[in-house]
Amino acid sequence: AHLPRTRAAPWQGAPCSGARRVSPQPLGGWWVHSVFFGGGTPSLASPLTIAAVLETVSQCARLAADAEVTLEANPTSAGASRLAGFRAAGVNRLSIGIQSVDDAELQLLGRDHTADEALRTLEEAKKLFPGRTSIDLIFGLPGQSVASWARGLERLLQLCDDHVSLYQLTLERGTSLFKLVQQGALPTPEQDMLAEMYEVARRMLQDAGFRQYEVSNFARNGALSTHNLSYWQGSQYIGIGPGAHGRFVPRGSGASLREARIQTLEPDNWMKEVLAWGHGTRKRVAQNPLDVLEEILALGLRTDVGIAHQHWLQFAPSLSLWDAFGASEEVKELEDQGLLLLDHRGLRCSWRGLAVLDSLLPTLLNQLQQTWADRVSPT
């Protein structure tokens, strides 16, 4: 559920209405193991709104007793009493958008919190959600060096809980930061420096006891995100809220293919559509089996365990991983370079390969498409 800054009263009803109208028939037979309140600012919502959404989910489907309920928190809107309210509402995992512990970097990013506010929020969150508090950090900022990035990360590793997410800066068109970089007023780090920042962070987190279980995500003491893992393993998920995406097979519509759904992006328009029609779905696209396999490949290889043979066969009973990739000279070359492994466990990246996955995917996707056309598609 994406809960942006908008009028509070209508928002308590809109996500609930959207949840009820996901499918033509009730979702009573579905088990929900993860609920994720994302979108950047859900901590601006009232805990009552969060509780109402969770109650609606439990009415529409089977909400598992041990379901992971994550809320993304903005440090300026997540004081101790508010965090306690979210916990009472049913939230049991928190993701805090700290981004940086350097005030100058936070101003550059346009964030409205300071480093001290972020660290205070982190401290309160750890008390309320021990072992289930995650932090988000951004690297690759204009003017940032490898040394300054490492110093900030070292400081946070002394204070953080058991989950860390690292993201390279993405410049959004239309922002002041984007304009400054485009005009040349702010230089961004070169690609080699970005790679070094990422590699330094991987090593530091490994030394601190974290497992890199996905390209951008690190956990220790078993604190992996259920929500993240479900997404990367190709499980079905329902997106409700402005701009939310979903992947699931609609029930009661006679459809047998998974659909990719996109909700209306603009918050006010989304809310009007939900209140008028019961949903805010802007686009529905049926995914054919190859579409699904391409996503399973691209997402599954983001994890350190990769794609197990049995998992792949759930989506492609007539095309094993060996069939798809075993005879490829290009794939064999990636194996010889120590970037990829195809063995009895399945298909996965090595430690080195995980860092350069984007450069491996074109070869693998092309091989999958060729094999699919040769072996599966009708002649």
Protein backbone atom coordinates (compact mmCIF):
# COMPACT_ATOMS: atom_id res chain seq x y z
CA ALA A 1 0.00 0.00 0.00
CA HIS A 2 1.42 3.33 -1.02
CA LEU A 3 0.25 6.09 1.32
CA PRO A 4 1.55 9.49 0.15
CA ARG A 5 1.03 12.94 1.60
CA THR A 6 -2.62 13.71 0.99
CA ARG A 7 -5.88 14.20 2.88
CA ALA A 8 -6.02 11.74 5.77
CA ALA A 9 -9.73 10.97 6.10
CA PRO A 10 -10.42 9.71 2.54
CA TRP A 11 -7.20 7.73 2.62
CA GLN A 12 -8.40 5.57 5.47
CA GLY A 13 -11.13 4.20 3.19
CA ALA A 14 -9.48 4.24 -0.24
CA PRO A 15 -6.80 1.53 0.32
CA CYS A 16 -9.43 -0.67 1.97
CA SER A 17 -11.80 -0.29 -0.98
CA GLY A 18 -8.94 -1.06 -3.36
CA ALA A 19 -8.05 -4.20 -1.43
CA ARG A 20 -11.63 -5.50 -1.60
CA ARG A 21 -11.83 -5.13 -5.39
CA VAL A 22 -8.57 -6.77 -6.50
CA SER A 23 -10.36 -9.72 -8.07
CA PRO A 24 -13.94 -10.48 -9.23
CA GLN A 25 -14.25 -13.04 -6.42
CA PRO A 26 -13.15 -12.87 -2.76
CA LEU A 27 -9.59 -13.98 -2.01
CA GLY A 28 -10.69 -16.18 0.87
CA GLY A 29 -8.57 -19.13 -0.28
CA TRP A 30 -5.39 -17.08 -0.55
CA TRP A 31 -2.82 -17.01 2.23
CA VAL A 32 -1.10 -13.64 2.68
CA HIS A 33 2.35 -13.97 4.22
CA SER A 34 3.59 -10.42 3.74
CA VAL A 35 2.07 -6.94 3.77
CA PHE A 36 4.35 -4.06 2.80
CA PHE A 37 3.42 -0.42 3.34
CA GLY A 38 5.81 1.35 0.96
CA GLY A 39 5.95 4.32 -1.32
CA GLY A 40 8.35 6.39 0.76
CA THR A 41 6.04 8.14 3.22
CA PRO A 42 3.56 5.66 4.76
CA SER A 43 4.73 6.72 8.22
CA LEU A 44 2.80 9.95 7.56
CA ALA A 45 -0.40 7.90 7.71
CA SER A 46 -2.29 7.41 10.92
CA PRO A 47 -1.74 4.09 12.71
CA LEU A 48 -5.54 3.78 12.48
CA THR A 49 -5.25 3.73 8.68
CA ILE A 50 -2.63 0.98 8.85
CA ALA A 51 -4.85 -1.02 11.22
CA ALA A 52 -7.86 -0.57 8.91
CA VAL A 53 -5.92 -1.84 5.88
CA LEU A 54 -4.69 -4.88 7.79
CA GLU A 55 -8.21 -5.62 9.00
CA THR A 56 -9.46 -5.44 5.42
CA VAL A 57 -6.73 -7.80 4.25
CA SER A 58 -7.67 -10.28 6.95
CA GLN A 59 -11.33 -10.07 5.86
CA CYS A 60 -10.55 -10.56 2.15
CA ALA A 61 -7.97 -13.34 2.51
CA ARG A 62 -6.21 -15.49 5.07
CA LEU A 63 -3.62 -13.33 6.80
CA ALA A 64 -1.07 -15.72 8.31
CA ALA A 65 -0.53 -15.37 12.04
CA ASP A 66 3.21 -14.98 11.46
CA ALA A 67 2.84 -12.68 8.44
CA GLU A 68 5.57 -10.09 8.01
CA VAL A 69 4.07 -6.58 8.10
CA THR A 70 6.62 -3.98 7.04
CA LEU A 71 6.25 -0.21 7.05
CA GLU A 72 8.66 2.25 5.41
CA ALA A 73 9.38 5.09 7.81
CA ASN A 74 10.55 8.62 7.15
CA PRO A 75 12.72 9.82 10.08
CA THR A 76 10.81 13.12 10.36
CA SER A 77 7.42 11.41 10.69
CA ALA A 78 8.35 8.49 12.92
CA GLY A 79 8.64 9.62 16.52
CA ALA A 80 8.62 7.13 19.38
CA SER A 81 4.87 7.42 20.11
CA ARG A 82 4.02 7.10 16.42
CA LEU A 83 6.22 4.02 16.02
CA ALA A 84 4.54 2.48 19.06
CA GLY A 85 1.19 3.20 17.42
CA PHE A 86 2.27 1.37 14.26
CA ARG A 87 3.38 -1.62 16.30
CA ALA A 88 0.00 -1.70 18.08
CA ALA A 89 -1.69 -1.52 14.67
CA GLY A 90 0.06 -4.72 13.58
CA VAL A 91 3.34 -3.62 12.02
CA ASN A 92 6.19 -5.95 13.03
CA ARG A 93 9.03 -4.80 10.76
CA LEU A 94 10.32 -1.32 9.99
CA SER A 95 12.36 0.01 7.08
CA ILE A 96 13.88 3.44 7.74
CA GLY A 97 14.98 5.67 4.89
CA ILE A 98 18.12 6.99 6.55
CA GLN A 99 19.97 7.40 3.20
CA SER A 100 23.01 9.13 4.76
CA VAL A 101 24.45 10.32 8.07
CA ASP A 102 25.93 13.43 6.46
CA ASP A 103 23.67 16.50 6.67
CA ALA A 104 25.16 18.05 3.53
CA GLU A 105 24.39 14.87 1.57
CA LEU A 106 20.84 14.77 2.93
CA GLN A 107 20.28 18.38 1.83
CA LEU A 108 21.63 17.48 -1.60
CA LEU A 109 19.12 14.64 -1.79
CA GLY A 110 16.32 17.01 -0.82
CA ARG A 111 15.54 15.07 2.37
CA ASP A 112 13.75 16.91 5.15
CA HIS A 113 15.47 15.09 7.98
CA THR A 114 18.87 15.51 9.58
CA ALA A 115 21.36 12.79 10.42
CA ASP A 116 20.61 13.19 14.14
CA GLU A 117 16.87 12.75 13.51
CA ALA A 118 17.55 9.62 11.49
CA LEU A 119 19.72 8.12 14.20
CA ARG A 120 17.16 8.94 16.91
CA THR A 121 14.46 7.22 14.85
CA LEU A 122 16.75 4.22 14.38
CA GLU A 123 17.36 3.98 18.13
CA GLU A 124 13.64 4.11 18.93
CA ALA A 125 12.84 1.58 16.19
CA LYS A 126 15.37 -0.92 17.53
CA LYS A 127 13.67 -0.78 20.93
CA LEU A 128 10.23 -1.42 19.46
CA PHE A 129 11.22 -3.76 16.61
CA PRO A 130 14.40 -5.51 17.82
CA GLY A 131 15.99 -7.60 15.08
CA ARG A 132 13.36 -6.39 12.61
CA THR A 133 14.55 -2.88 11.78
CA SER A 134 16.07 -2.25 8.36
CA ILE A 135 17.87 0.84 7.07
CA ASP A 136 18.21 2.16 3.51
CA LEU A 137 21.43 3.88 2.39
CA ILE A 138 22.34 5.62 -0.87
CA PHE A 139 25.78 5.80 -2.49
CA GLY A 140 27.07 7.51 -5.61
CA LEU A 141 26.13 11.06 -4.63
CA PRO A 142 27.76 14.04 -6.37
CA GLY A 143 31.01 14.87 -4.61
CA GLN A 144 30.98 11.66 -2.59
CA SER A 145 34.26 9.77 -2.33
CA VAL A 146 34.93 6.13 -1.54
CA ALA A 147 36.46 7.21 1.78
CA SER A 148 33.49 9.38 2.85
CA TRP A 149 31.04 6.63 1.87
CA ALA A 150 33.00 4.08 3.89
CA ARG A 151 33.16 6.38 6.93
CA GLY A 152 29.41 6.86 6.96
CA LEU A 153 28.78 3.14 6.53
CA GLU A 154 31.23 2.29 9.32
CA ARG A 155 29.39 4.63 11.67
CA LEU A 156 26.03 3.07 10.84
CA LEU A 157 27.33 -0.46 11.22
CA GLN A 158 27.97 0.35 14.86
CA LEU A 159 24.36 1.47 15.32
CA CYS A 160 22.19 -0.48 12.90
CA ASP A 161 20.06 -3.56 13.47
CA ASP A 162 20.20 -6.75 11.37
CA HIS A 163 19.15 -5.61 7.89
CA VAL A 164 20.74 -3.08 5.51
CA SER A 165 19.74 -2.11 1.97
CA LEU A 166 22.18 -0.26 -0.31
CA TYR A 167 21.07 1.63 -3.40
CA GLN A 168 23.03 3.54 -6.00
CA LEU A 169 21.69 7.05 -6.55
CA THR A 170 19.15 7.28 -9.36
CA LEU A 171 18.67 10.79 -10.72
CA GLU A 172 14.98 11.52 -11.23
CA ARG A 173 14.14 13.79 -14.15
CA GLY A 174 12.55 17.03 -12.99
CA THR A 175 14.34 17.22 -9.64
CA SER A 176 16.73 20.04 -8.79
CA LEU A 177 19.54 17.52 -8.31
CA PHE A 178 18.95 16.13 -11.81
CA LYS A 179 19.13 19.65 -13.28
CA LEU A 180 22.35 20.50 -11.45
CA VAL A 181 24.03 17.32 -12.67
CA GLN A 182 22.76 17.83 -16.24
CA GLN A 183 24.13 21.38 -16.21
CA GLY A 184 27.51 20.13 -15.01
CA ALA A 185 27.30 22.06 -11.75
CA LEU A 186 27.57 18.83 -9.75
CA PRO A 187 29.82 16.01 -10.96
CA THR A 188 28.72 12.44 -10.21
CA PRO A 189 31.24 9.68 -9.44
CA GLU A 190 32.66 7.75 -12.39
CA GLN A 191 31.51 4.18 -12.99
CA ASP A 192 34.75 2.72 -11.65
CA MET A 193 34.34 4.65 -8.41
CA LEU A 194 30.72 3.52 -8.08
CA ALA A 195 31.84 -0.09 -8.47
CA GLU A 196 34.50 0.46 -5.81
CA MET A 197 31.97 1.99 -3.41
CA TYR A 198 29.72 -1.02 -3.85
CA GLU A 199 32.55 -3.49 -3.41
CA VAL A 200 33.89 -1.73 -0.32
CA ALA A 201 30.41 -1.82 1.22
CA ARG A 202 29.99 -5.52 0.44
CA ARG A 203 33.26 -6.34 2.20
CA MET A 204 32.49 -4.15 5.22
CA LEU A 205 29.06 -5.71 5.66
CA GLN A 206 30.48 -9.21 5.25
CA ASP A 207 33.09 -8.47 7.92
CA ALA A 208 30.28 -7.24 10.20
CA GLY A 209 28.49 -10.59 9.93
CA PHE A 210 25.98 -9.72 7.22
CA ARG A 211 25.01 -12.12 4.44
CA GLN A 212 24.44 -10.56 1.04
CA TYR A 213 21.29 -12.44 0.17
CA GLU A 214 20.43 -10.16 -2.77
CA VAL A 215 22.22 -7.61 -4.95
CA SER A 216 21.23 -4.68 -2.71
CA ASN A 217 20.20 -6.38 0.53
CA PHE A 218 22.18 -7.67 3.49
CA ALA A 219 21.02 -9.46 6.63
CA ARG A 220 22.46 -11.14 9.70
CA ASN A 221 20.94 -13.34 12.39
CA GLY A 222 18.42 -14.61 9.85
CA ALA A 223 16.69 -11.23 9.43
CA LEU A 224 15.94 -11.68 5.72
CA SER A 225 12.88 -9.88 4.40
CA THR A 226 9.99 -12.24 3.57
CA HIS A 227 8.50 -9.60 1.30
CA ASN A 228 11.71 -9.19 -0.67
CA LEU A 229 12.30 -12.91 -1.01
CA SER A 230 8.75 -13.56 -2.23
CA TYR A 231 9.18 -10.92 -4.90
CA TRP A 232 12.53 -12.25 -6.13
CA GLN A 233 11.26 -15.83 -6.18
CA GLY A 234 8.40 -14.92 -8.47
CA SER A 235 5.56 -15.35 -5.97
CA GLN A 236 2.25 -13.67 -6.67
CA TYR A 237 1.75 -10.24 -5.13
CA ILE A 238 -0.97 -7.61 -5.19
CA GLY A 239 -0.17 -3.91 -5.45
CA ILE A 240 -2.65 -1.39 -4.02
CA GLY A 241 -2.02 2.34 -4.09
CA PRO A 242 -0.77 5.03 -6.48
CA GLY A 243 1.74 3.59 -8.95
CA ALA A 244 1.72 0.14 -7.33
CA HIS A 245 2.51 -2.94 -9.43
CA GLY A 246 1.13 -6.45 -9.05
CA ARG A 247 1.69 -9.93 -10.49
CA PHE A 248 -1.06 -12.50 -9.92
CA VAL A 249 -3.64 -14.75 -11.58
CA PRO A 250 -7.08 -13.14 -11.09
CA ARG A 251 -9.68 -15.42 -9.58
CA GLY A 252 -13.21 -15.68 -10.87
CA SER A 253 -12.43 -14.05 -14.23
CA GLY A 254 -11.80 -17.26 -16.16
CA ALA A 255 -8.20 -16.21 -16.78
CA SER A 256 -5.37 -18.72 -16.44
CA LEU A 257 -2.45 -16.40 -17.15
CA ARG A 258 -0.73 -14.22 -14.59
CA GLU A 259 -1.47 -10.53 -15.03
CA ALA A 260 0.88 -7.60 -14.65
CA ARG A 261 -1.14 -4.77 -13.17
CA ILE A 262 -0.26 -1.13 -12.69
CA GLN A 263 -2.26 1.27 -10.55
CA THR A 264 -2.88 4.88 -11.48
CA LEU A 265 0.21 6.90 -10.58
CA GLU A 266 -1.22 10.26 -9.44
CA PRO A 267 -2.44 9.99 -5.80
CA ASP A 268 -5.49 12.22 -6.17
CA ASN A 269 -6.61 10.54 -9.40
CA TRP A 270 -6.05 7.09 -7.89
CA MET A 271 -8.18 7.94 -4.88
CA LYS A 272 -10.99 9.33 -7.05
CA GLU A 273 -10.98 6.17 -9.17
CA VAL A 274 -11.10 3.88 -6.13
CA LEU A 275 -13.97 5.82 -4.55
CA ALA A 276 -15.86 5.91 -7.87
CA TRP A 277 -15.20 2.42 -9.27
CA GLY A 278 -13.78 0.41 -6.37
CA HIS A 279 -10.26 0.13 -7.80
CA GLY A 280 -7.44 2.23 -9.21
CA THR A 281 -6.01 -0.21 -11.75
CA ARG A 282 -4.85 1.70 -14.82
CA LYS A 283 -3.32 -1.15 -16.84
CA ARG A 284 -3.73 -4.95 -17.02
CA VAL A 285 -1.46 -7.09 -19.22
CA ALA A 286 -1.66 -10.89 -19.38
CA GLN A 287 1.81 -12.45 -19.13
CA ASN A 288 2.53 -15.43 -21.34
CA PRO A 289 4.75 -18.24 -19.95
CA LEU A 290 7.91 -16.76 -21.48
CA ASP A 291 7.19 -13.36 -19.90
CA VAL A 292 6.97 -15.05 -16.51
CA LEU A 293 10.17 -17.07 -17.06
CA GLU A 294 12.09 -13.95 -18.02
CA GLU A 295 11.07 -12.34 -14.75
CA ILE A 296 11.90 -15.49 -12.77
CA LEU A 297 15.37 -15.47 -14.36
CA ALA A 298 16.10 -11.76 -13.88
CA LEU A 299 14.77 -11.61 -10.31
CA GLY A 300 15.94 -15.02 -9.11
CA LEU A 301 19.55 -14.36 -10.09
CA ARG A 302 19.54 -11.27 -7.87
CA THR A 303 19.66 -13.60 -4.85
CA ASP A 304 22.73 -15.40 -3.58
CA VAL A 305 20.99 -18.79 -3.83
CA GLY A 306 19.82 -18.17 -7.37
CA ILE A 307 17.20 -20.43 -8.98
CA ALA A 308 16.80 -24.03 -7.84
CA HIS A 309 15.90 -26.66 -10.44
CA GLN A 310 12.60 -27.56 -8.77
CA HIS A 311 11.65 -23.91 -8.43
CA TRP A 312 12.27 -23.30 -12.14
CA LEU A 313 10.22 -26.36 -13.12
CA GLN A 314 7.20 -24.94 -11.31
CA PHE A 315 7.09 -22.29 -14.02
CA ALA A 316 8.56 -24.30 -16.94
CA PRO A 317 7.68 -28.02 -16.59
CA SER A 318 8.82 -28.74 -20.15
CA LEU A 319 12.06 -26.74 -20.10
CA SER A 320 14.64 -27.44 -17.41
CA LEU A 321 17.52 -25.16 -16.55
CA TRP A 322 19.82 -27.69 -18.19
CA ASP A 323 17.69 -27.58 -21.35
CA ALA A 324 17.67 -23.79 -21.41
CA PHE A 325 21.29 -23.05 -20.56
CA GLY A 326 23.34 -26.25 -20.38
CA ALA A 327 24.42 -26.36 -24.02
CA SER A 328 25.12 -22.64 -24.45
CA GLU A 329 28.73 -21.69 -25.24
CA GLU A 330 28.05 -18.14 -24.01
CA VAL A 331 26.78 -19.41 -20.66
CA LYS A 332 29.76 -21.78 -20.43
CA GLU A 333 32.08 -18.81 -20.97
CA LEU A 334 30.44 -16.97 -18.05
CA GLU A 335 30.99 -20.08 -15.93
CA ASP A 336 34.64 -20.26 -16.98
CA GLN A 337 35.06 -16.60 -16.01
CA GLY A 338 33.84 -17.46 -12.50
CA LEU A 339 30.72 -15.30 -12.77
CA LEU A 340 27.99 -17.93 -13.05
CA LEU A 341 27.32 -21.44 -11.77
CA LEU A 342 25.02 -24.09 -13.25
CA ASP A 343 25.15 -27.31 -11.24
CA HIS A 344 23.02 -29.74 -9.24
CA ARG A 345 21.73 -26.88 -7.07
CA GLY A 346 20.49 -24.81 -9.99
CA LEU A 347 21.59 -21.56 -11.65
CA ARG A 348 23.17 -18.74 -9.62
CA CYS A 349 25.75 -15.99 -9.70
CA SER A 350 29.06 -16.24 -7.91
CA TRP A 351 30.10 -13.55 -5.42
CA ARG A 352 31.83 -11.72 -8.29
CA GLY A 353 28.94 -12.31 -10.67
CA LEU A 354 26.37 -10.87 -8.29
CA ALA A 355 28.12 -7.50 -8.49
CA VAL A 356 27.87 -7.41 -12.31
CA LEU A 357 24.53 -9.14 -12.83
CA ASP A 358 23.24 -6.46 -15.18
CA SER A 359 26.02 -7.30 -17.63
CA LEU A 360 25.19 -11.03 -17.51
CA LEU A 361 21.44 -10.81 -18.01
CA PRO A 362 21.38 -9.92 -21.75
CA THR A 363 23.27 -13.13 -22.57
CA LEU A 364 21.03 -15.26 -20.34
CA LEU A 365 17.76 -13.71 -21.50
CA ASN A 366 18.78 -14.09 -25.14
CA GLN A 367 19.64 -17.76 -24.55
CA LEU A 368 16.30 -18.37 -22.82
CA GLN A 369 14.38 -16.77 -25.69
CA GLN A 370 16.24 -18.82 -28.30
CA THR A 371 15.74 -22.10 -26.46
CA TRP A 372 12.09 -21.34 -25.80
CA ALA A 373 11.49 -20.67 -29.49
CA ASP A 374 13.29 -23.89 -30.51
CA ARG A 375 11.83 -26.29 -27.95
CA VAL A 376 8.52 -24.95 -26.69
CA SER A 377 6.85 -22.65 -29.20
CA PRO A 378 4.68 -24.35 -31.82
CA THR A 379 6.27 -24.68 -35.26
